[in-house]
Amino acid sequence: MAKGEIKEWIIQEFKNGNIRDNWFPMLSVSGVPDYSETVHSIGLNYITEIGRQLDGYIAVSEYPVYSINGRFGHSITREVRPDSIWYNKEDLKPVLVSEFERFENSKAKNDKLREKIENLLIAYHQLGGNLPIILFVYWSHSGIVPKNIEKYISIFDEGFRLPNGTYINGINSFESDYLVFQAVAKGNKEKITINQWIQVK
């Protein structure tokens, strides 16, 4: 399946919610308590299930990746464990890496948003630097919109510098694309649903 078809599969699922309704009704219908990592756990498994429902692909959740070819040597100092990675079943090449992250307007959450985007870019390079799609979803309650979100998204194109000074390149736009969505939660801490998935990029 071509990159464009995989992207359309994701976009359409977030729009119509067929897999969400069938496999994760607590996310779309009955609601889930916003406690500890409940929403994060369901959200990342939902994204993984979208990959598993795609014919010819397999998907895993919270799978650590590392550089097997020494691309960055020992310069990367933090563990990278993407929320979801999809692989082509025939050749086991990665086709997508994803993160699902909560957002609230605070410095800590802005820093976390940036860290997750940086981690996706690190994972992208450690998986070979040519996988077709990066998917980043941030979820928030209705009315909460990250300030300067474009600044953080631009990291995918422009790259960033690690604390030790090593520069991590942005994606190869000839080979790869990225999708960014905001998932909007409704309800309260006892029961929230997430049925609005807005494409940001």
N, C-alpha and C. Protein backbone atom coordinates (compact mmCIF):
# COMPACT_ATOMS: atom_id res chain seq x y z
N MET A 1 0.84 -1.19 0.00
CA MET A 1 0.00 0.00 0.00
C MET A 1 0.88 1.25 0.00
N ALA A 2 0.55 2.21 -0.83
CA ALA A 2 1.34 3.43 -0.96
C ALA A 2 1.16 4.33 0.26
N LYS A 3 2.13 5.21 0.45
CA LYS A 3 2.12 6.14 1.58
C LYS A 3 0.82 6.94 1.63
N GLY A 4 0.39 7.44 0.48
CA GLY A 4 -0.84 8.24 0.44
C GLY A 4 -2.07 7.47 0.88
N GLU A 5 -2.10 6.17 0.55
CA GLU A 5 -3.24 5.33 0.95
C GLU A 5 -3.25 5.09 2.46
N ILE A 6 -2.07 4.92 3.05
CA ILE A 6 -1.99 4.74 4.50
C ILE A 6 -2.43 6.01 5.20
N LYS A 7 -1.98 7.15 4.70
CA LYS A 7 -2.40 8.43 5.29
C LYS A 7 -3.92 8.59 5.21
N GLU A 8 -4.48 8.26 4.08
CA GLU A 8 -5.94 8.39 3.91
C GLU A 8 -6.68 7.44 4.84
N TRP A 9 -6.14 6.25 5.06
CA TRP A 9 -6.72 5.27 5.98
C TRP A 9 -6.81 5.87 7.39
N ILE A 10 -5.74 6.51 7.82
CA ILE A 10 -5.69 7.14 9.14
C ILE A 10 -6.68 8.31 9.22
N ILE A 11 -6.65 9.17 8.23
CA ILE A 11 -7.52 10.35 8.21
C ILE A 11 -8.99 9.94 8.26
N GLN A 12 -9.34 8.95 7.45
CA GLN A 12 -10.73 8.51 7.40
C GLN A 12 -11.16 7.84 8.70
N GLU A 13 -10.27 7.06 9.31
CA GLU A 13 -10.63 6.43 10.58
C GLU A 13 -10.85 7.46 11.67
N PHE A 14 -9.96 8.44 11.77
CA PHE A 14 -10.15 9.47 12.78
C PHE A 14 -11.46 10.24 12.54
N LYS A 15 -11.86 10.34 11.26
CA LYS A 15 -13.07 11.07 10.92
C LYS A 15 -14.33 10.25 11.23
N ASN A 16 -14.35 8.97 10.80
CA ASN A 16 -15.58 8.18 10.95
C ASN A 16 -15.60 7.31 12.22
N GLY A 17 -14.44 7.00 12.76
CA GLY A 17 -14.37 6.29 14.04
C GLY A 17 -14.86 4.86 14.04
N ASN A 18 -14.82 4.16 12.91
CA ASN A 18 -15.33 2.79 12.86
C ASN A 18 -14.56 1.86 13.80
N ILE A 19 -13.24 1.90 13.73
CA ILE A 19 -12.42 1.06 14.60
C ILE A 19 -12.57 1.52 16.05
N ARG A 20 -12.63 2.82 16.25
CA ARG A 20 -12.80 3.38 17.59
C ARG A 20 -14.10 2.86 18.22
N ASP A 21 -15.19 2.90 17.47
CA ASP A 21 -16.48 2.46 18.00
C ASP A 21 -16.51 0.96 18.28
N ASN A 22 -15.89 0.18 17.38
CA ASN A 22 -15.94 -1.28 17.50
C ASN A 22 -15.01 -1.83 18.57
N TRP A 23 -13.81 -1.26 18.66
CA TRP A 23 -12.79 -1.81 19.53
C TRP A 23 -12.57 -1.03 20.82
N PHE A 24 -12.92 0.24 20.80
CA PHE A 24 -12.68 1.09 21.98
C PHE A 24 -13.92 1.93 22.30
N PRO A 25 -15.05 1.25 22.57
CA PRO A 25 -16.28 2.01 22.85
C PRO A 25 -16.17 2.87 24.11
N MET A 26 -15.25 2.51 25.00
CA MET A 26 -15.06 3.35 26.19
C MET A 26 -14.48 4.71 25.82
N LEU A 27 -13.81 4.78 24.68
CA LEU A 27 -13.24 6.05 24.22
C LEU A 27 -14.29 6.88 23.48
N SER A 28 -15.19 6.20 22.77
CA SER A 28 -16.12 6.93 21.90
C SER A 28 -17.55 7.00 22.42
N VAL A 29 -17.95 6.05 23.28
CA VAL A 29 -19.36 5.98 23.67
C VAL A 29 -19.55 6.10 25.18
N SER A 30 -19.07 5.11 25.92
CA SER A 30 -19.36 5.05 27.36
C SER A 30 -18.50 6.00 28.19
N GLY A 31 -17.32 6.34 27.69
CA GLY A 31 -16.43 7.23 28.44
C GLY A 31 -15.47 6.47 29.33
N VAL A 32 -14.38 7.12 29.66
CA VAL A 32 -13.33 6.51 30.48
C VAL A 32 -12.94 7.50 31.57
N PRO A 33 -12.66 7.03 32.79
CA PRO A 33 -12.21 7.97 33.83
C PRO A 33 -10.82 8.51 33.50
N ASP A 34 -10.64 9.79 33.70
CA ASP A 34 -9.34 10.43 33.45
C ASP A 34 -8.49 10.26 34.71
N TYR A 35 -7.89 9.09 34.82
CA TYR A 35 -7.11 8.74 36.00
C TYR A 35 -5.76 8.19 35.58
N SER A 36 -4.69 8.72 36.16
CA SER A 36 -3.35 8.25 35.86
C SER A 36 -3.12 8.23 34.34
N GLU A 37 -2.84 7.06 33.78
CA GLU A 37 -2.53 6.94 32.34
C GLU A 37 -3.65 6.28 31.55
N THR A 38 -4.89 6.31 32.08
CA THR A 38 -5.98 5.60 31.40
C THR A 38 -6.20 6.08 29.97
N VAL A 39 -6.33 7.38 29.78
CA VAL A 39 -6.61 7.91 28.44
C VAL A 39 -5.42 7.66 27.52
N HIS A 40 -4.22 7.86 28.03
CA HIS A 40 -3.02 7.62 27.23
C HIS A 40 -2.95 6.17 26.77
N SER A 41 -3.23 5.24 27.69
CA SER A 41 -3.16 3.82 27.36
C SER A 41 -4.17 3.46 26.28
N ILE A 42 -5.40 3.91 26.42
CA ILE A 42 -6.43 3.60 25.42
C ILE A 42 -6.10 4.28 24.09
N GLY A 43 -5.65 5.52 24.14
CA GLY A 43 -5.34 6.24 22.92
C GLY A 43 -4.23 5.60 22.11
N LEU A 44 -3.15 5.21 22.77
CA LEU A 44 -2.04 4.61 22.02
C LEU A 44 -2.42 3.24 21.48
N ASN A 45 -3.24 2.50 22.25
CA ASN A 45 -3.68 1.19 21.75
C ASN A 45 -4.67 1.34 20.60
N TYR A 46 -5.44 2.40 20.61
CA TYR A 46 -6.33 2.69 19.48
C TYR A 46 -5.51 2.93 18.21
N ILE A 47 -4.48 3.75 18.31
CA ILE A 47 -3.63 4.01 17.15
C ILE A 47 -2.97 2.73 16.66
N THR A 48 -2.52 1.90 17.59
CA THR A 48 -1.92 0.61 17.20
C THR A 48 -2.95 -0.27 16.50
N GLU A 49 -4.18 -0.28 17.00
CA GLU A 49 -5.23 -1.11 16.38
C GLU A 49 -5.55 -0.64 14.96
N ILE A 50 -5.48 0.66 14.71
CA ILE A 50 -5.70 1.16 13.35
C ILE A 50 -4.68 0.52 12.40
N GLY A 51 -3.44 0.39 12.86
CA GLY A 51 -2.41 -0.27 12.05
C GLY A 51 -2.67 -1.74 11.87
N ARG A 52 -3.17 -2.40 12.91
CA ARG A 52 -3.43 -3.84 12.83
C ARG A 52 -4.59 -4.17 11.90
N GLN A 53 -5.50 -3.22 11.75
CA GLN A 53 -6.64 -3.42 10.85
C GLN A 53 -6.30 -3.13 9.39
N LEU A 54 -5.10 -2.64 9.16
CA LEU A 54 -4.64 -2.32 7.81
C LEU A 54 -4.05 -3.58 7.18
N ASP A 55 -4.63 -4.04 6.10
CA ASP A 55 -4.22 -5.30 5.49
C ASP A 55 -2.75 -5.26 5.07
N GLY A 56 -1.98 -6.26 5.52
CA GLY A 56 -0.58 -6.37 5.14
C GLY A 56 0.38 -5.72 6.13
N TYR A 57 -0.15 -5.27 7.28
CA TYR A 57 0.70 -4.57 8.25
C TYR A 57 0.51 -5.15 9.65
N ILE A 58 1.53 -4.98 10.47
CA ILE A 58 1.45 -5.32 11.88
C ILE A 58 1.80 -4.07 12.66
N ALA A 59 1.34 -3.99 13.90
CA ALA A 59 1.60 -2.81 14.71
C ALA A 59 1.82 -3.22 16.16
N VAL A 60 2.73 -2.52 16.82
CA VAL A 60 3.04 -2.81 18.22
C VAL A 60 3.02 -1.50 19.02
N SER A 61 2.71 -1.63 20.30
CA SER A 61 2.66 -0.47 21.19
C SER A 61 3.89 -0.40 22.08
N GLU A 62 4.34 0.81 22.35
CA GLU A 62 5.43 1.08 23.29
C GLU A 62 6.66 0.20 23.03
N TYR A 63 7.13 0.24 21.80
CA TYR A 63 8.26 -0.60 21.40
C TYR A 63 9.53 0.24 21.34
N PRO A 64 10.53 -0.07 22.18
CA PRO A 64 11.76 0.74 22.16
C PRO A 64 12.57 0.51 20.89
N VAL A 65 13.15 1.58 20.37
CA VAL A 65 13.99 1.47 19.18
C VAL A 65 15.36 2.05 19.49
N TYR A 66 16.35 1.58 18.77
CA TYR A 66 17.71 2.06 18.95
C TYR A 66 18.42 1.98 17.62
N SER A 67 19.55 2.67 17.51
CA SER A 67 20.28 2.70 16.26
C SER A 67 21.15 1.45 16.13
N ILE A 68 20.88 0.62 15.12
CA ILE A 68 21.68 -0.60 14.94
C ILE A 68 22.85 -0.36 13.99
N ASN A 69 22.89 0.84 13.37
CA ASN A 69 23.99 1.10 12.44
C ASN A 69 24.92 2.20 12.93
N GLY A 70 24.74 2.60 14.20
CA GLY A 70 25.64 3.60 14.77
C GLY A 70 25.47 4.97 14.16
N ARG A 71 24.28 5.26 13.64
CA ARG A 71 24.06 6.53 12.94
C ARG A 71 24.43 7.72 13.80
N PHE A 72 24.09 7.67 15.10
CA PHE A 72 24.40 8.77 15.99
C PHE A 72 25.44 8.38 17.03
N GLY A 73 26.06 7.21 16.88
CA GLY A 73 27.03 6.77 17.87
C GLY A 73 26.40 6.70 19.25
N HIS A 74 27.07 7.27 20.24
CA HIS A 74 26.54 7.27 21.61
C HIS A 74 26.02 8.64 22.00
N SER A 75 25.62 9.45 21.02
CA SER A 75 25.25 10.83 21.31
C SER A 75 23.83 10.98 21.84
N ILE A 76 22.96 9.99 21.63
CA ILE A 76 21.59 10.08 22.11
C ILE A 76 21.55 9.57 23.55
N THR A 77 21.10 10.42 24.44
CA THR A 77 21.22 10.11 25.86
C THR A 77 19.89 9.80 26.53
N ARG A 78 18.77 9.82 25.79
CA ARG A 78 17.50 9.48 26.42
C ARG A 78 16.84 8.31 25.70
N GLU A 79 16.14 7.50 26.46
CA GLU A 79 15.45 6.35 25.88
C GLU A 79 14.29 6.82 25.02
N VAL A 80 14.12 6.18 23.87
CA VAL A 80 13.02 6.51 22.98
C VAL A 80 12.13 5.28 22.83
N ARG A 81 10.87 5.41 23.26
CA ARG A 81 9.93 4.30 23.19
C ARG A 81 8.62 4.81 22.60
N PRO A 82 8.50 4.85 21.28
CA PRO A 82 7.29 5.39 20.66
C PRO A 82 6.04 4.63 21.10
N ASP A 83 4.91 5.35 21.13
CA ASP A 83 3.66 4.73 21.55
C ASP A 83 3.20 3.66 20.57
N SER A 84 3.47 3.85 19.29
CA SER A 84 3.04 2.86 18.29
C SER A 84 3.99 2.87 17.10
N ILE A 85 4.32 1.68 16.62
CA ILE A 85 5.10 1.53 15.38
C ILE A 85 4.39 0.51 14.51
N TRP A 86 4.22 0.85 13.24
CA TRP A 86 3.63 -0.07 12.27
C TRP A 86 4.72 -0.59 11.34
N TYR A 87 4.60 -1.89 10.99
CA TYR A 87 5.56 -2.53 10.11
C TYR A 87 4.85 -3.20 8.94
N ASN A 88 5.52 -3.19 7.78
CA ASN A 88 5.04 -3.96 6.65
C ASN A 88 5.26 -5.44 6.95
N LYS A 89 4.22 -6.24 6.82
CA LYS A 89 4.29 -7.65 7.21
C LYS A 89 5.24 -8.45 6.32
N GLU A 90 5.39 -8.04 5.05
CA GLU A 90 6.24 -8.80 4.11
C GLU A 90 7.72 -8.67 4.43
N ASP A 91 8.19 -7.44 4.56
CA ASP A 91 9.63 -7.23 4.75
C ASP A 91 10.00 -6.71 6.14
N LEU A 92 8.97 -6.53 6.99
CA LEU A 92 9.15 -6.03 8.36
C LEU A 92 9.84 -4.66 8.43
N LYS A 93 9.70 -3.89 7.36
CA LYS A 93 10.21 -2.52 7.39
C LYS A 93 9.20 -1.62 8.08
N PRO A 94 9.67 -0.70 8.93
CA PRO A 94 8.73 0.20 9.60
C PRO A 94 8.13 1.19 8.60
N VAL A 95 6.84 1.46 8.76
CA VAL A 95 6.16 2.41 7.86
C VAL A 95 5.59 3.61 8.62
N LEU A 96 5.46 3.49 9.94
CA LEU A 96 4.88 4.58 10.72
C LEU A 96 5.37 4.52 12.15
N VAL A 97 5.61 5.69 12.73
CA VAL A 97 5.94 5.80 14.14
C VAL A 97 5.03 6.88 14.71
N SER A 98 4.50 6.66 15.93
CA SER A 98 3.47 7.56 16.45
C SER A 98 3.61 7.81 17.94
N GLU A 99 3.14 8.99 18.36
CA GLU A 99 3.00 9.34 19.77
C GLU A 99 1.61 9.92 20.01
N PHE A 100 1.06 9.63 21.20
CA PHE A 100 -0.24 10.14 21.64
C PHE A 100 0.00 10.80 22.98
N GLU A 101 -0.14 12.13 23.04
CA GLU A 101 0.29 12.86 24.24
C GLU A 101 -0.78 13.84 24.73
N ARG A 102 -0.96 13.89 26.03
CA ARG A 102 -1.89 14.84 26.64
C ARG A 102 -1.29 16.25 26.58
N PHE A 103 -2.20 17.25 26.42
CA PHE A 103 -1.72 18.62 26.46
C PHE A 103 -2.62 19.50 27.30
N GLU A 104 -1.98 20.32 28.14
CA GLU A 104 -2.63 21.40 28.88
C GLU A 104 -1.70 22.61 28.75
N ASN A 105 -2.27 23.80 28.79
CA ASN A 105 -1.43 24.99 28.63
C ASN A 105 -0.65 25.28 29.91
N SER A 106 0.58 24.80 29.94
CA SER A 106 1.52 25.07 31.03
C SER A 106 2.91 24.86 30.46
N LYS A 107 3.91 25.43 31.10
CA LYS A 107 5.28 25.27 30.61
C LYS A 107 5.67 23.80 30.57
N ALA A 108 5.28 23.07 31.63
CA ALA A 108 5.64 21.65 31.69
C ALA A 108 5.05 20.88 30.52
N LYS A 109 3.79 21.17 30.17
CA LYS A 109 3.15 20.46 29.07
C LYS A 109 3.70 20.90 27.72
N ASN A 110 4.07 22.19 27.60
CA ASN A 110 4.73 22.64 26.38
C ASN A 110 6.05 21.93 26.19
N ASP A 111 6.81 21.80 27.28
CA ASP A 111 8.09 21.09 27.23
C ASP A 111 7.88 19.62 26.86
N LYS A 112 6.80 19.02 27.40
CA LYS A 112 6.51 17.60 27.11
C LYS A 112 6.13 17.43 25.65
N LEU A 113 5.36 18.37 25.11
CA LEU A 113 4.97 18.32 23.70
C LEU A 113 6.22 18.35 22.83
N ARG A 114 7.12 19.25 23.13
CA ARG A 114 8.37 19.36 22.37
C ARG A 114 9.19 18.08 22.49
N GLU A 115 9.28 17.54 23.71
CA GLU A 115 10.07 16.31 23.93
C GLU A 115 9.52 15.15 23.11
N LYS A 116 8.18 15.01 23.06
CA LYS A 116 7.58 13.91 22.32
C LYS A 116 7.84 14.05 20.81
N ILE A 117 7.78 15.27 20.31
CA ILE A 117 8.08 15.49 18.89
C ILE A 117 9.55 15.19 18.61
N GLU A 118 10.43 15.62 19.50
CA GLU A 118 11.85 15.31 19.33
C GLU A 118 12.08 13.80 19.38
N ASN A 119 11.40 13.12 20.29
CA ASN A 119 11.55 11.66 20.39
C ASN A 119 11.09 10.97 19.11
N LEU A 120 10.01 11.47 18.52
CA LEU A 120 9.55 10.90 17.25
C LEU A 120 10.61 11.05 16.16
N LEU A 121 11.26 12.20 16.13
CA LEU A 121 12.29 12.43 15.12
C LEU A 121 13.50 11.54 15.37
N ILE A 122 13.86 11.35 16.63
CA ILE A 122 14.95 10.42 16.96
C ILE A 122 14.58 9.02 16.52
N ALA A 123 13.37 8.57 16.86
CA ALA A 123 12.92 7.23 16.47
C ALA A 123 12.91 7.09 14.95
N TYR A 124 12.47 8.11 14.26
CA TYR A 124 12.43 8.11 12.79
C TYR A 124 13.83 7.81 12.23
N HIS A 125 14.84 8.49 12.75
CA HIS A 125 16.21 8.26 12.27
C HIS A 125 16.73 6.90 12.70
N GLN A 126 16.43 6.49 13.91
CA GLN A 126 16.93 5.20 14.39
C GLN A 126 16.26 4.03 13.67
N LEU A 127 15.11 4.27 13.08
CA LEU A 127 14.43 3.24 12.30
C LEU A 127 14.83 3.29 10.82
N GLY A 128 15.81 4.11 10.50
CA GLY A 128 16.34 4.12 9.14
C GLY A 128 16.24 5.45 8.43
N GLY A 129 15.43 6.36 8.94
CA GLY A 129 15.35 7.70 8.35
C GLY A 129 14.57 7.79 7.06
N ASN A 130 13.86 6.72 6.68
CA ASN A 130 13.09 6.80 5.44
C ASN A 130 11.70 6.18 5.58
N LEU A 131 11.23 5.96 6.81
CA LEU A 131 9.88 5.41 6.92
C LEU A 131 8.87 6.45 6.46
N PRO A 132 7.77 6.01 5.86
CA PRO A 132 6.88 6.93 5.16
C PRO A 132 6.17 7.97 6.03
N ILE A 133 5.74 7.60 7.26
CA ILE A 133 4.84 8.48 7.99
C ILE A 133 5.22 8.60 9.47
N ILE A 134 5.18 9.83 9.97
CA ILE A 134 5.20 10.11 11.40
C ILE A 134 3.82 10.63 11.76
N LEU A 135 3.23 10.06 12.81
CA LEU A 135 1.91 10.49 13.27
C LEU A 135 2.02 11.00 14.71
N PHE A 136 1.64 12.26 14.91
CA PHE A 136 1.64 12.83 16.26
C PHE A 136 0.25 13.31 16.60
N VAL A 137 -0.29 12.80 17.71
CA VAL A 137 -1.61 13.19 18.18
C VAL A 137 -1.48 13.75 19.58
N TYR A 138 -1.97 14.97 19.79
CA TYR A 138 -2.03 15.50 21.15
C TYR A 138 -3.50 15.65 21.51
N TRP A 139 -3.83 15.23 22.73
CA TRP A 139 -5.23 15.33 23.14
C TRP A 139 -5.37 16.35 24.25
N SER A 140 -6.51 17.02 24.25
CA SER A 140 -6.78 18.04 25.25
C SER A 140 -8.28 18.17 25.42
N HIS A 141 -8.67 18.82 26.51
CA HIS A 141 -10.09 19.09 26.71
C HIS A 141 -10.52 20.22 25.78
N SER A 142 -11.80 20.25 25.49
CA SER A 142 -12.36 21.25 24.59
C SER A 142 -11.98 22.66 25.04
N GLY A 143 -11.54 23.48 24.08
CA GLY A 143 -11.18 24.85 24.38
C GLY A 143 -9.71 25.08 24.66
N ILE A 144 -8.95 24.01 24.83
CA ILE A 144 -7.52 24.13 25.10
C ILE A 144 -6.75 23.94 23.81
N VAL A 145 -6.05 24.96 23.38
CA VAL A 145 -5.27 24.91 22.15
C VAL A 145 -3.82 25.29 22.49
N PRO A 146 -2.85 24.45 22.13
CA PRO A 146 -1.45 24.77 22.43
C PRO A 146 -1.02 26.07 21.77
N LYS A 147 -0.33 26.90 22.52
CA LYS A 147 0.24 28.12 21.96
C LYS A 147 1.47 27.74 21.13
N ASN A 148 1.63 28.41 20.02
CA ASN A 148 2.81 28.22 19.17
C ASN A 148 2.98 26.77 18.70
N ILE A 149 1.86 26.09 18.43
CA ILE A 149 1.96 24.69 18.01
C ILE A 149 2.79 24.56 16.74
N GLU A 150 2.71 25.54 15.85
CA GLU A 150 3.48 25.48 14.60
C GLU A 150 4.98 25.44 14.88
N LYS A 151 5.40 26.13 15.95
CA LYS A 151 6.82 26.13 16.31
C LYS A 151 7.30 24.73 16.65
N TYR A 152 6.45 23.98 17.35
CA TYR A 152 6.83 22.62 17.73
C TYR A 152 6.76 21.67 16.53
N ILE A 153 5.72 21.83 15.71
CA ILE A 153 5.58 20.98 14.54
C ILE A 153 6.74 21.18 13.57
N SER A 154 7.27 22.41 13.51
CA SER A 154 8.37 22.70 12.58
C SER A 154 9.63 21.89 12.88
N ILE A 155 9.71 21.31 14.07
CA ILE A 155 10.86 20.47 14.41
C ILE A 155 10.97 19.30 13.43
N PHE A 156 9.82 18.78 12.97
CA PHE A 156 9.86 17.68 12.00
C PHE A 156 10.60 18.09 10.73
N ASP A 157 10.46 19.33 10.32
CA ASP A 157 11.12 19.81 9.11
C ASP A 157 12.54 20.31 9.37
N GLU A 158 12.71 21.03 10.46
CA GLU A 158 13.97 21.73 10.71
C GLU A 158 14.96 20.96 11.56
N GLY A 159 14.50 19.94 12.29
CA GLY A 159 15.38 19.22 13.19
C GLY A 159 15.58 19.99 14.50
N PHE A 160 16.49 19.49 15.32
CA PHE A 160 16.76 20.14 16.60
C PHE A 160 18.13 19.70 17.09
N ARG A 161 18.58 20.34 18.15
CA ARG A 161 19.88 20.03 18.71
C ARG A 161 19.73 19.38 20.08
N LEU A 162 20.43 18.26 20.28
CA LEU A 162 20.44 17.59 21.57
C LEU A 162 21.20 18.44 22.59
N PRO A 163 20.97 18.20 23.89
CA PRO A 163 21.69 18.96 24.92
C PRO A 163 23.21 18.90 24.78
N ASN A 164 23.72 17.79 24.21
CA ASN A 164 25.18 17.67 24.05
C ASN A 164 25.70 18.34 22.78
N GLY A 165 24.80 19.02 22.05
CA GLY A 165 25.22 19.76 20.86
C GLY A 165 25.01 19.04 19.55
N THR A 166 24.73 17.73 19.59
CA THR A 166 24.51 16.97 18.36
C THR A 166 23.24 17.44 17.66
N TYR A 167 23.35 17.70 16.36
CA TYR A 167 22.19 18.15 15.59
C TYR A 167 21.48 16.95 14.98
N ILE A 168 20.16 16.87 15.20
CA ILE A 168 19.33 15.82 14.60
C ILE A 168 18.56 16.43 13.44
N ASN A 169 18.79 15.93 12.24
CA ASN A 169 18.14 16.47 11.05
C ASN A 169 16.64 16.27 11.08
N GLY A 170 15.93 17.13 10.34
CA GLY A 170 14.51 16.93 10.12
C GLY A 170 14.27 15.77 9.16
N ILE A 171 13.02 15.51 8.85
CA ILE A 171 12.70 14.38 7.97
C ILE A 171 13.15 14.65 6.54
N ASN A 172 13.31 13.58 5.80
CA ASN A 172 13.55 13.65 4.36
C ASN A 172 12.18 13.78 3.69
N SER A 173 11.83 14.99 3.28
CA SER A 173 10.48 15.24 2.77
C SER A 173 10.22 14.56 1.43
N PHE A 174 11.26 14.07 0.76
CA PHE A 174 11.06 13.32 -0.48
C PHE A 174 10.57 11.91 -0.19
N GLU A 175 10.91 11.39 1.00
CA GLU A 175 10.55 10.02 1.37
C GLU A 175 9.41 9.96 2.39
N SER A 176 9.32 10.98 3.23
CA SER A 176 8.46 10.88 4.42
C SER A 176 7.51 12.06 4.55
N ASP A 177 6.38 11.79 5.21
CA ASP A 177 5.40 12.83 5.55
C ASP A 177 5.08 12.71 7.03
N TYR A 178 4.48 13.75 7.57
CA TYR A 178 3.98 13.65 8.93
C TYR A 178 2.54 14.14 8.99
N LEU A 179 1.80 13.55 9.92
CA LEU A 179 0.43 13.93 10.20
C LEU A 179 0.36 14.39 11.65
N VAL A 180 -0.35 15.48 11.90
CA VAL A 180 -0.54 15.96 13.26
C VAL A 180 -2.03 16.17 13.49
N PHE A 181 -2.55 15.60 14.58
CA PHE A 181 -3.95 15.72 14.94
C PHE A 181 -4.10 16.21 16.37
N GLN A 182 -5.17 16.98 16.60
CA GLN A 182 -5.59 17.29 17.96
C GLN A 182 -6.85 16.49 18.24
N ALA A 183 -6.83 15.67 19.29
CA ALA A 183 -8.00 14.91 19.71
C ALA A 183 -8.66 15.67 20.86
N VAL A 184 -9.92 16.01 20.70
CA VAL A 184 -10.62 16.86 21.66
C VAL A 184 -11.49 16.01 22.58
N ALA A 185 -11.24 16.12 23.88
CA ALA A 185 -11.97 15.34 24.88
C ALA A 185 -13.16 16.14 25.41
N LYS A 186 -14.25 15.43 25.70
CA LYS A 186 -15.43 16.03 26.31
C LYS A 186 -15.80 15.25 27.56
N GLY A 187 -16.36 15.95 28.53
CA GLY A 187 -16.76 15.30 29.77
C GLY A 187 -15.94 15.80 30.94
N ASN A 188 -15.91 15.01 32.00
CA ASN A 188 -15.16 15.38 33.21
C ASN A 188 -14.23 14.24 33.62
N LYS A 189 -13.57 14.40 34.75
CA LYS A 189 -12.58 13.40 35.16
C LYS A 189 -13.19 12.02 35.38
N GLU A 190 -14.47 11.97 35.72
CA GLU A 190 -15.11 10.68 35.94
C GLU A 190 -15.40 9.94 34.64
N LYS A 191 -15.65 10.71 33.56
CA LYS A 191 -16.01 10.06 32.30
C LYS A 191 -15.78 11.03 31.14
N ILE A 192 -14.79 10.73 30.31
CA ILE A 192 -14.57 11.54 29.12
C ILE A 192 -14.62 10.68 27.87
N THR A 193 -15.03 11.30 26.78
CA THR A 193 -14.99 10.65 25.47
C THR A 193 -14.14 11.50 24.54
N ILE A 194 -13.58 10.86 23.51
CA ILE A 194 -12.81 11.59 22.51
C ILE A 194 -13.28 11.14 21.13
N ASN A 195 -14.12 11.97 20.52
CA ASN A 195 -14.67 11.67 19.20
C ASN A 195 -14.34 12.70 18.14
N GLN A 196 -13.68 13.78 18.55
CA GLN A 196 -13.32 14.83 17.59
C GLN A 196 -11.81 14.79 17.39
N TRP A 197 -11.38 14.41 16.20
CA TRP A 197 -9.95 14.29 15.87
C TRP A 197 -9.69 15.25 14.71
N ILE A 198 -9.07 16.38 15.03
CA ILE A 198 -8.90 17.48 14.09
C ILE A 198 -7.51 17.43 13.48
N GLN A 199 -7.45 17.40 12.15
CA GLN A 199 -6.15 17.39 11.48
C GLN A 199 -5.53 18.78 11.53
N VAL A 200 -4.36 18.89 12.15
CA VAL A 200 -3.66 20.15 12.30
C VAL A 200 -2.65 20.34 11.17
N LYS A 201 -2.07 19.24 10.72
CA LYS A 201 -1.04 19.28 9.67
C LYS A 201 -1.08 18.02 8.82
